[in-house]
C-alpha atoms as a PDB file:
ATOM      1  CA  MET A   1      -1.932  -6.904  -0.224  1.00  0.00           C
ATOM      2  CA  THR A   2      -3.667  -9.979   1.018  1.00  0.00           C
ATOM      3  CA  ALA A   3      -6.471 -11.990  -0.458  1.00  0.00           C
ATOM      4  CA  ALA A   4      -9.862 -10.422   0.075  1.00  0.00           C
ATOM      5  CA  THR A   5     -13.201 -11.931   1.019  1.00  0.00           C
ATOM      6  CA  LEU A   6     -16.513 -10.165   0.595  1.00  0.00           C
ATOM      7  CA  ILE A   7     -18.174  -9.744   3.970  1.00  0.00           C
ATOM      8  CA  PRO A   8     -21.871 -10.590   3.800  1.00  0.00           C
ATOM      9  CA  GLN A   9     -24.128  -7.711   4.705  1.00  0.00           C
ATOM     10  CA  ASN A  10     -27.005  -8.690   6.944  1.00  0.00           C
ATOM     11  CA  SER A  11     -29.224  -5.996   8.384  1.00  0.00           C
ATOM     12  CA  LYS A  12     -27.293  -2.939   7.164  1.00  0.00           C
ATOM     13  CA  THR A  13     -25.229  -2.225   4.099  1.00  0.00           C
ATOM     14  CA  LEU A  14     -22.094  -0.280   4.900  1.00  0.00           C
ATOM     15  CA  SER A  15     -21.665   2.678   2.568  1.00  0.00           C
ATOM     16  CA  LEU A  16     -18.333   4.130   1.520  1.00  0.00           C
ATOM     17  CA  GLU A  17     -19.110   7.142   3.724  1.00  0.00           C
ATOM     18  CA  ASP A  18     -19.732   4.801   6.702  1.00  0.00           C
ATOM     19  CA  TRP A  19     -16.433   3.033   6.022  1.00  0.00           C
ATOM     20  CA  LEU A  20     -14.591   6.359   5.756  1.00  0.00           C
ATOM     21  CA  GLU A  21     -16.057   7.468   9.093  1.00  0.00           C
ATOM     22  CA  ASN A  22     -15.058   4.293  10.939  1.00  0.00           C
ATOM     23  CA  PRO A  23     -13.145   1.737   8.833  1.00  0.00           C
ATOM     24  CA  PRO A  24     -13.154  -1.712  10.468  1.00  0.00           C
ATOM     25  CA  GLU A  25      -9.656  -3.175  10.830  1.00  0.00           C
ATOM     26  CA  HIS A  26      -8.385  -5.423   8.053  1.00  0.00           C
ATOM     27  CA  THR A  27     -11.052  -4.274   5.605  1.00  0.00           C
ATOM     28  CA  GLU A  28     -11.377  -2.276   2.436  1.00  0.00           C
ATOM     29  CA  TRP A  29     -14.478  -0.880   0.772  1.00  0.00           C
ATOM     30  CA  VAL A  30     -14.407  -2.151  -2.824  1.00  0.00           C
ATOM     31  CA  ASN A  31     -16.984  -2.155  -5.619  1.00  0.00           C
ATOM     32  CA  GLY A  32     -19.870  -1.204  -3.361  1.00  0.00           C
ATOM     33  CA  GLY A  33     -19.170  -3.501  -0.428  1.00  0.00           C
ATOM     34  CA  LEU A  34     -17.014  -4.280   2.555  1.00  0.00           C
ATOM     35  CA  VAL A  35     -14.130  -6.654   1.820  1.00  0.00           C
ATOM     36  CA  GLU A  36     -12.039  -8.344   4.503  1.00  0.00           C
ATOM     37  CA  LYS A  37      -8.310  -8.491   3.847  1.00  0.00           C
ATOM     38  CA  ASN A  38      -7.184 -11.993   4.704  1.00  0.00           C
ATOM     39  CA  GLY A  39      -4.361 -14.299   3.739  1.00  0.00           C
ATOM     40  CA  MET A  40      -1.778 -12.613   5.994  1.00  0.00           C
ATOM     41  CA  THR A  41       1.104 -15.009   6.573  1.00  0.00           C
ATOM     42  CA  LEU A  42       4.237 -14.778   8.686  1.00  0.00           C
ATOM     43  CA  LYS A  43       6.222 -14.067   5.510  1.00  0.00           C
ATOM     44  CA  HIS A  44       3.797 -11.318   4.448  1.00  0.00           C
ATOM     45  CA  SER A  45       3.923  -9.708   7.889  1.00  0.00           C
ATOM     46  CA  LYS A  46       7.718  -9.933   8.033  1.00  0.00           C
ATOM     47  CA  ILE A  47       8.101  -8.224   4.643  1.00  0.00           C
ATOM     48  CA  GLN A  48       5.511  -5.577   5.522  1.00  0.00           C
ATOM     49  CA  ASN A  49       7.292  -4.803   8.784  1.00  0.00           C
ATOM     50  CA  ARG A  50      10.745  -4.851   7.176  1.00  0.00           C
ATOM     51  CA  LEU A  51       9.769  -2.501   4.325  1.00  0.00           C
ATOM     52  CA  GLY A  52       7.925  -0.140   6.672  1.00  0.00           C
ATOM     53  CA  ARG A  53      10.920  -0.023   9.017  1.00  0.00           C
ATOM     54  CA  GLN A  54      13.368   0.561   6.131  1.00  0.00           C
ATOM     55  CA  TRP A  55      11.256   3.380   4.664  1.00  0.00           C
ATOM     56  CA  ALA A  56      10.888   4.976   8.120  1.00  0.00           C
ATOM     57  CA  ASN A  57      14.601   4.719   8.904  1.00  0.00           C
ATOM     58  CA  TYR A  58      15.431   6.236   5.536  1.00  0.00           C
ATOM     59  CA  GLN A  59      12.946   9.106   5.769  1.00  0.00           C
ATOM     60  CA  GLU A  60      14.455  10.010   9.143  1.00  0.00           C
ATOM     61  CA  SER A  61      18.141   9.576   8.245  1.00  0.00           C
ATOM     62  CA  SER A  62      17.789  11.394   4.915  1.00  0.00           C
ATOM     63  CA  GLY A  63      16.017  14.328   6.560  1.00  0.00           C
ATOM     64  CA  GLN A  64      13.063  14.059   4.168  1.00  0.00           C
ATOM     65  CA  GLY A  65      10.579  13.792   7.018  1.00  0.00           C
ATOM     66  CA  GLY A  66       7.042  12.586   6.651  1.00  0.00           C
ATOM     67  CA  GLU A  67       5.523   9.443   8.127  1.00  0.00           C
ATOM     68  CA  VAL A  68       5.407   5.744   7.256  1.00  0.00           C
ATOM     69  CA  TYR A  69       2.277   3.729   8.023  1.00  0.00           C
ATOM     70  CA  THR A  70       1.098   0.140   7.761  1.00  0.00           C
ATOM     71  CA  GLU A  71      -2.473  -0.893   6.947  1.00  0.00           C
ATOM     72  CA  VAL A  72      -3.783   2.659   7.154  1.00  0.00           C
ATOM     73  CA  PRO A  73      -7.018   3.678   5.429  1.00  0.00           C
ATOM     74  CA  CYS A  74      -7.195   5.986   2.453  1.00  0.00           C
ATOM     75  CA  ARG A  75      -9.798   6.908  -0.106  1.00  0.00           C
ATOM     76  CA  THR A  76      -9.183   6.482  -3.782  1.00  0.00           C
ATOM     77  CA  GLN A  77     -11.521   7.969  -6.363  1.00  0.00           C
ATOM     78  CA  LYS A  78     -13.925   5.030  -6.021  1.00  0.00           C
ATOM     79  CA  GLN A  79     -12.894   2.864  -3.080  1.00  0.00           C
ATOM     80  CA  GLY A  80     -11.704   2.738   0.501  1.00  0.00           C
ATOM     81  CA  ARG A  81      -8.298   1.065   0.674  1.00  0.00           C
ATOM     82  CA  SER A  82      -5.749   0.071   3.330  1.00  0.00           C
ATOM     83  CA  PRO A  83      -2.311  -0.289   1.741  1.00  0.00           C
ATOM     84  CA  ASP A  84       0.161  -2.649   3.387  1.00  0.00           C
ATOM     85  CA  VAL A  85       2.839   0.069   3.669  1.00  0.00           C
ATOM     86  CA  ALA A  86       2.456   3.760   2.845  1.00  0.00           C
ATOM     87  CA  TYR A  87       4.541   6.935   3.042  1.00  0.00           C
ATOM     88  CA  LEU A  88       3.092  10.411   3.542  1.00  0.00           C
ATOM     89  CA  THR A  89       5.221  13.465   2.733  1.00  0.00           C
ATOM     90  CA  PRO A  90       5.776  16.159   5.404  1.00  0.00           C
ATOM     91  CA  GLU A  91       3.424  18.541   3.561  1.00  0.00           C
ATOM     92  CA  LEU A  92       0.625  15.975   3.531  1.00  0.00           C
ATOM     93  CA  VAL A  93       1.286  15.035   7.172  1.00  0.00           C
ATOM     94  CA  GLU A  94       0.781  18.698   8.041  1.00  0.00           C
ATOM     95  CA  GLU A  95      -2.419  18.850   6.015  1.00  0.00           C
ATOM     96  CA  TYR A  96      -3.947  15.451   6.859  1.00  0.00           C
ATOM     97  CA  GLY A  97      -1.943  14.051   9.785  1.00  0.00           C
ATOM     98  CA  ASP A  98      -4.927  13.928  12.136  1.00  0.00           C
ATOM     99  CA  ALA A  99      -7.498  12.606   9.652  1.00  0.00           C
ATOM    100  CA  LYS A 100      -9.217   9.273  10.323  1.00  0.00           C
ATOM    101  CA  VAL A 101      -8.800   8.346   6.669  1.00  0.00           C
ATOM    102  CA  LEU A 102      -6.497   9.971   4.130  1.00  0.00           C
ATOM    103  CA  PRO A 103      -8.865  11.470   1.519  1.00  0.00           C
ATOM    104  CA  ARG A 104      -6.545  10.480  -1.364  1.00  0.00           C
ATOM    105  CA  SER A 105      -3.914   7.843  -2.094  1.00  0.00           C
ATOM    106  CA  PHE A 106      -0.569   7.961  -0.319  1.00  0.00           C
ATOM    107  CA  PRO A 107       2.265   9.326  -2.509  1.00  0.00           C
ATOM    108  CA  LEU A 108       4.259   6.090  -2.041  1.00  0.00           C
ATOM    109  CA  THR A 109       2.384   2.846  -1.489  1.00  0.00           C
ATOM    110  CA  ALA A 110       3.389  -0.809  -1.256  1.00  0.00           C
ATOM    111  CA  GLU A 111       1.213  -3.876  -1.520  1.00  0.00           C
ATOM    112  CA  ILE A 112       2.589  -7.262  -0.482  1.00  0.00           C
ATOM    113  CA  VAL A 113       1.012  -9.771  -2.870  1.00  0.00           C
ATOM    114  CA  SER A 114      -0.252 -13.054  -1.448  1.00  0.00           C
ATOM    115  CA  PRO A 115      -0.347 -16.345  -3.396  1.00  0.00           C
ATOM    116  CA  THR A 116      -4.160 -16.117  -3.586  1.00  0.00           C
ATOM    117  CA  ASP A 117      -4.230 -12.649  -5.196  1.00  0.00           C
ATOM    118  CA  PHE A 118      -5.114 -12.316  -8.868  1.00  0.00           C
ATOM    119  CA  ALA A 119      -2.616 -10.429 -11.046  1.00  0.00           C
ATOM    120  CA  GLU A 120      -5.372  -8.385 -12.697  1.00  0.00           C
ATOM    121  CA  ASP A 121      -6.642  -7.215  -9.298  1.00  0.00           C
ATOM    122  CA  VAL A 122      -3.171  -6.244  -8.086  1.00  0.00           C
ATOM    123  CA  ILE A 123      -2.409  -4.270 -11.237  1.00  0.00           C
ATOM    124  CA  ALA A 124      -5.838  -2.603 -11.151  1.00  0.00           C
ATOM    125  CA  LYS A 125      -5.213  -1.592  -7.544  1.00  0.00           C
ATOM    126  CA  ALA A 126      -1.873   0.001  -8.473  1.00  0.00           C
ATOM    127  CA  GLU A 127      -3.585   1.944 -11.265  1.00  0.00           C
ATOM    128  CA  GLU A 128      -6.347   2.991  -8.856  1.00  0.00           C
ATOM    129  CA  TYR A 129      -3.752   4.376  -6.433  1.00  0.00           C
ATOM    130  CA  LEU A 130      -2.015   6.269  -9.257  1.00  0.00           C
ATOM    131  CA  GLN A 131      -5.316   7.773 -10.448  1.00  0.00           C
ATOM    132  CA  SER A 132      -6.013   8.960  -6.899  1.00  0.00           C
ATOM    133  CA  GLY A 133      -2.812  10.878  -6.170  1.00  0.00           C
ATOM    134  CA  ALA A 134      -0.133   8.224  -5.681  1.00  0.00           C
ATOM    135  CA  GLU A 135       3.114   8.947  -7.459  1.00  0.00           C
ATOM    136  CA  GLU A 136       4.692   5.535  -6.992  1.00  0.00           C
ATOM    137  CA  VAL A 137       3.391   2.049  -6.148  1.00  0.00           C
ATOM    138  CA  TRP A 138       5.491  -0.968  -5.191  1.00  0.00           C
ATOM    139  CA  LEU A 139       3.921  -4.382  -5.827  1.00  0.00           C
ATOM    140  CA  VAL A 140       5.950  -6.881  -3.816  1.00  0.00           C
ATOM    141  CA  PHE A 141       5.795 -10.507  -4.975  1.00  0.00           C
ATOM    142  CA  PRO A 142       7.481 -12.585  -2.232  1.00  0.00           C
ATOM    143  CA  GLU A 143       7.097 -15.961  -3.949  1.00  0.00           C
ATOM    144  CA  ASN A 144       8.574 -14.747  -7.255  1.00  0.00           C
ATOM    145  CA  ARG A 145      11.114 -12.500  -5.474  1.00  0.00           C
ATOM    146  CA  TRP A 146      10.072  -9.522  -7.598  1.00  0.00           C
ATOM    147  CA  ILE A 147       9.061  -5.964  -6.967  1.00  0.00           C
ATOM    148  CA  ILE A 148       7.176  -4.169  -9.707  1.00  0.00           C
ATOM    149  CA  ILE A 149       7.576  -0.411  -9.309  1.00  0.00           C
ATOM    150  CA  VAL A 150       4.844   1.546 -11.059  1.00  0.00           C
ATOM    151  CA  THR A 151       4.608   5.299 -11.706  1.00  0.00           C
ATOM    152  CA  GLN A 152       2.464   7.287 -14.148  1.00  0.00           C
ATOM    153  CA  ASP A 153       5.189   7.071 -16.790  1.00  0.00           C
ATOM    154  CA  SER A 154       7.104   3.863 -16.052  1.00  0.00           C
ATOM    155  CA  LYS A 155       6.852   0.271 -14.918  1.00  0.00           C
ATOM    156  CA  GLN A 156       9.904  -1.672 -13.881  1.00  0.00           C
ATOM    157  CA  ILE A 157      10.470  -5.169 -12.561  1.00  0.00           C
ATOM    158  CA  VAL A 158      13.284  -5.675 -10.071  1.00  0.00           C
ATOM    159  CA  ALA A 159      14.207  -9.279  -9.270  1.00  0.00           C
ATOM    160  CA  SER A 160      16.317 -11.325  -6.881  1.00  0.00           C
ATOM    161  CA  GLY A 161      19.952 -10.209  -6.975  1.00  0.00           C
ATOM    162  CA  GLU A 162      18.973  -6.644  -7.908  1.00  0.00           C
ATOM    163  CA  ILE A 163      18.338  -3.386  -6.045  1.00  0.00           C
ATOM    164  CA  ALA A 164      14.915  -1.696  -5.881  1.00  0.00           C
ATOM    165  CA  ARG A 165      15.035   2.110  -5.886  1.00  0.00           C
ATOM    166  CA  THR A 166      12.324   4.677  -5.365  1.00  0.00           C
ATOM    167  CA  GLN A 167      11.514   6.581  -8.517  1.00  0.00           C
ATOM    168  CA  LYS A 168       9.528   9.660  -7.474  1.00  0.00           C
ATOM    169  CA  VAL A 169       8.947   9.705  -3.711  1.00  0.00           C
ATOM    170  CA  LEU A 170      11.316   9.212  -0.757  1.00  0.00           C
ATOM    171  CA  THR A 171      14.113  10.109  -3.148  1.00  0.00           C
ATOM    172  CA  GLY A 172      17.286   8.048  -2.939  1.00  0.00           C
ATOM    173  CA  PHE A 173      15.866   5.042  -1.068  1.00  0.00           C
ATOM    174  CA  SER A 174      17.156   1.670  -2.219  1.00  0.00           C
ATOM    175  CA  ILE A 175      17.025  -1.875  -0.909  1.00  0.00           C
ATOM    176  CA  ALA A 176      18.339  -5.203  -2.153  1.00  0.00           C
ATOM    177  CA  ILE A 177      15.495  -7.514  -3.124  1.00  0.00           C
ATOM    178  CA  ASP A 178      17.159 -10.381  -1.273  1.00  0.00           C
ATOM    179  CA  GLU A 179      17.511  -8.263   1.887  1.00  0.00           C
ATOM    180  CA  LEU A 180      13.824  -7.320   1.814  1.00  0.00           C
ATOM    181  CA  LEU A 181      12.450 -10.718   0.872  1.00  0.00           C
ATOM    182  CA  GLY A 182      15.066 -12.897   2.592  1.00  0.00           C
END
Protein backbone atom coordinates (compact mmCIF):
# COMPACT_ATOMS: atom_id res chain seq x y z
CA MET A 1 0.00 0.00 0.00
CA THR A 2 1.26 3.45 -0.71
CA ALA A 3 0.26 6.78 0.71
CA ALA A 4 -2.93 8.13 -0.76
CA THR A 5 -3.91 11.62 -1.86
CA LEU A 6 -7.47 12.73 -2.46
CA ILE A 7 -7.87 13.81 -6.07
CA PRO A 8 -9.87 17.03 -6.33
CA GLN A 9 -13.06 16.68 -8.29
CA ASN A 10 -13.69 19.54 -10.68
CA SER A 11 -16.58 19.32 -13.10
CA LYS A 12 -17.68 15.74 -12.37
CA THR A 13 -17.67 13.60 -9.27
CA LEU A 14 -16.61 10.05 -9.98
CA SER A 15 -19.00 7.55 -8.42
CA LEU A 16 -18.02 4.10 -7.22
CA GLU A 17 -19.92 2.67 -10.20
CA ASP A 18 -17.88 4.91 -12.56
CA TRP A 19 -14.66 3.76 -10.91
CA LEU A 20 -15.72 0.10 -11.17
CA GLU A 21 -16.47 0.56 -14.88
CA ASN A 22 -13.11 2.16 -15.68
CA PRO A 23 -10.72 2.46 -12.70
CA PRO A 24 -7.93 4.97 -13.41
CA GLU A 25 -4.46 3.51 -12.79
CA HIS A 26 -2.91 4.02 -9.36
CA THR A 27 -6.22 4.99 -7.77
CA GLU A 28 -8.73 3.66 -5.30
CA TRP A 29 -12.27 4.81 -4.60
CA VAL A 30 -12.43 5.45 -0.84
CA ASN A 31 -15.01 7.14 1.38
CA GLY A 32 -16.94 8.66 -1.50
CA GLY A 33 -14.05 9.92 -3.60
CA LEU A 34 -11.18 9.09 -5.88
CA VAL A 35 -7.84 8.64 -4.10
CA GLU A 36 -4.49 8.48 -5.88
CA LYS A 37 -2.05 5.88 -4.58
CA ASN A 38 1.32 7.57 -4.33
CA GLY A 39 4.49 7.11 -2.35
CA MET A 40 5.79 4.21 -4.48
CA THR A 41 9.52 3.86 -3.94
CA LEU A 42 12.12 1.58 -5.48
CA LYS A 43 12.05 -0.51 -2.29
CA HIS A 44 8.24 -0.76 -2.37
CA SER A 45 8.27 -1.78 -6.03
CA LYS A 46 11.04 -4.33 -5.46
CA ILE A 47 9.15 -5.98 -2.59
CA GLN A 48 5.87 -5.93 -4.53
CA ASN A 49 7.53 -7.56 -7.53
CA ARG A 50 9.43 -10.08 -5.40
CA LEU A 51 6.34 -11.18 -3.43
CA GLY A 52 4.20 -11.39 -6.57
CA ARG A 53 6.85 -13.48 -8.32
CA GLN A 54 7.27 -15.79 -5.30
CA TRP A 55 3.51 -16.33 -4.97
CA ALA A 56 3.21 -16.99 -8.72
CA ASN A 57 6.14 -19.42 -8.77
CA TYR A 58 4.68 -21.26 -5.79
CA GLN A 59 1.14 -21.47 -7.16
CA GLU A 60 2.56 -23.00 -10.34
CA SER A 61 5.08 -25.38 -8.74
CA SER A 62 2.64 -26.57 -6.08
CA GLY A 63 -0.05 -27.27 -8.69
CA GLN A 64 -2.58 -25.10 -6.84
CA GLY A 65 -3.24 -22.99 -9.92
CA GLY A 66 -4.95 -19.64 -9.87
CA GLU A 67 -3.43 -16.28 -10.76
CA VAL A 68 -1.28 -13.66 -9.03
CA TYR A 69 -1.83 -9.98 -9.79
CA THR A 70 -0.30 -6.65 -8.85
CA GLU A 71 -2.27 -3.42 -8.43
CA VAL A 72 -5.48 -4.95 -9.73
CA PRO A 73 -8.88 -3.45 -8.90
CA CYS A 74 -11.43 -5.10 -6.66
CA ARG A 75 -14.58 -4.02 -4.90
CA THR A 76 -14.97 -4.36 -1.18
CA GLN A 77 -18.32 -3.87 0.51
CA LYS A 78 -17.88 -0.08 0.50
CA GLN A 79 -14.85 0.85 -1.59
CA GLY A 80 -12.89 0.29 -4.76
CA ARG A 81 -9.40 -0.97 -3.93
CA SER A 82 -6.22 -1.95 -5.78
CA PRO A 83 -4.11 -4.24 -3.59
CA ASP A 84 -0.36 -4.27 -4.14
CA VAL A 85 -0.28 -8.06 -4.63
CA ALA A 86 -3.27 -10.41 -4.83
CA TYR A 87 -3.92 -14.11 -5.45
CA LEU A 88 -7.09 -15.47 -7.04
CA THR A 89 -7.94 -19.17 -6.67
CA PRO A 90 -8.57 -21.30 -9.79
CA GLU A 91 -12.32 -21.38 -9.03
CA LEU A 92 -12.51 -17.59 -8.84
CA VAL A 93 -10.34 -17.21 -11.97
CA GLU A 94 -12.89 -19.36 -13.79
CA GLU A 95 -15.76 -17.29 -12.45
CA TYR A 96 -14.27 -13.78 -12.67
CA GLY A 97 -11.10 -14.08 -14.76
CA ASP A 98 -12.34 -11.73 -17.48
CA ALA A 99 -13.94 -9.11 -15.23
CA LYS A 100 -12.67 -5.52 -15.33
CA VAL A 101 -12.85 -5.37 -11.54
CA LEU A 102 -13.13 -8.28 -9.14
CA PRO A 103 -16.52 -7.78 -7.42
CA ARG A 104 -15.14 -8.90 -4.03
CA SER A 105 -11.80 -8.98 -2.23
CA PHE A 106 -9.08 -11.36 -3.38
CA PRO A 107 -8.72 -14.45 -1.15
CA LEU A 108 -5.06 -13.59 -0.45
CA THR A 109 -3.99 -9.96 -0.48
CA ALA A 110 -0.79 -8.11 0.38
CA GLU A 111 -0.28 -4.43 1.02
CA ILE A 112 3.23 -2.99 1.11
CA VAL A 113 3.14 -0.24 3.74
CA SER A 114 4.91 3.03 2.99
CA PRO A 115 6.47 5.29 5.65
CA THR A 116 3.67 7.84 5.12
CA ASP A 117 0.82 5.38 5.78
CA PHE A 118 -1.10 5.58 9.04
CA ALA A 119 -1.31 2.36 11.08
CA GLU A 120 -5.05 2.81 11.67
CA ASP A 121 -5.69 3.09 7.92
CA VAL A 122 -3.62 0.00 7.12
CA ILE A 123 -5.37 -2.10 9.76
CA ALA A 124 -8.79 -0.81 8.68
CA LYS A 125 -7.97 -1.76 5.09
CA ALA A 126 -7.05 -5.31 6.15
CA GLU A 127 -10.34 -5.60 8.04
CA GLU A 128 -12.21 -4.22 5.01
CA TYR A 129 -10.65 -6.91 2.80
CA LEU A 130 -11.58 -9.63 5.32
CA GLN A 131 -15.19 -8.39 5.51
CA SER A 132 -15.40 -8.52 1.71
CA GLY A 133 -14.30 -12.11 1.09
CA ALA A 134 -10.56 -12.14 1.74
CA GLU A 135 -9.36 -15.06 3.81
CA GLU A 136 -5.86 -13.78 4.49
CA VAL A 137 -4.16 -10.37 4.33
CA TRP A 138 -0.42 -9.71 4.53
CA LEU A 139 0.62 -6.24 5.71
CA VAL A 140 4.27 -5.84 4.77
CA PHE A 141 6.25 -3.26 6.75
CA PRO A 142 9.61 -2.86 4.94
CA GLU A 143 11.10 -0.33 7.35
CA ASN A 144 10.31 -2.41 10.45
CA ARG A 145 11.05 -5.69 8.63
CA TRP A 146 7.72 -7.14 9.74
CA ILE A 147 4.83 -8.87 8.07
CA ILE A 148 1.53 -8.93 9.92
CA ILE A 149 -0.60 -11.81 8.67
CA VAL A 150 -4.29 -11.33 9.38
CA THR A 151 -7.16 -13.81 9.02
CA GLN A 152 -10.68 -13.80 10.49
CA ASP A 153 -9.47 -15.74 13.53
CA SER A 154 -5.80 -14.83 13.95
CA LYS A 155 -3.22 -12.08 13.72
CA GLN A 156 0.46 -12.84 13.74
CA ILE A 157 3.59 -10.74 13.45
CA VAL A 158 6.58 -12.26 11.68
CA ALA A 159 9.86 -10.36 11.98
CA SER A 160 13.38 -10.30 10.57
CA GLY A 161 15.07 -13.68 11.00
CA GLU A 162 11.74 -15.52 10.84
CA ILE A 163 9.67 -17.24 8.14
CA ALA A 164 6.26 -15.97 6.98
CA ARG A 165 3.79 -18.71 6.05
CA THR A 166 0.38 -18.54 4.45
CA GLN A 167 -2.39 -19.46 6.85
CA LYS A 168 -5.49 -20.14 4.75
CA VAL A 169 -4.80 -19.55 1.05
CA LEU A 170 -1.98 -20.74 -1.24
CA THR A 171 -1.39 -23.49 1.29
CA GLY A 172 2.20 -24.31 2.15
CA PHE A 173 3.81 -21.09 0.87
CA SER A 174 6.61 -19.72 3.03
CA ILE A 175 9.29 -17.08 2.64
CA ALA A 176 12.05 -15.76 4.88
CA ILE A 177 11.38 -12.17 5.90
CA ASP A 178 14.98 -11.26 5.13
CA GLU A 179 14.74 -12.82 1.65
CA LEU A 180 11.58 -10.85 0.86
CA LEU A 181 12.65 -7.55 2.37
CA GLY A 182 16.40 -7.80 1.72
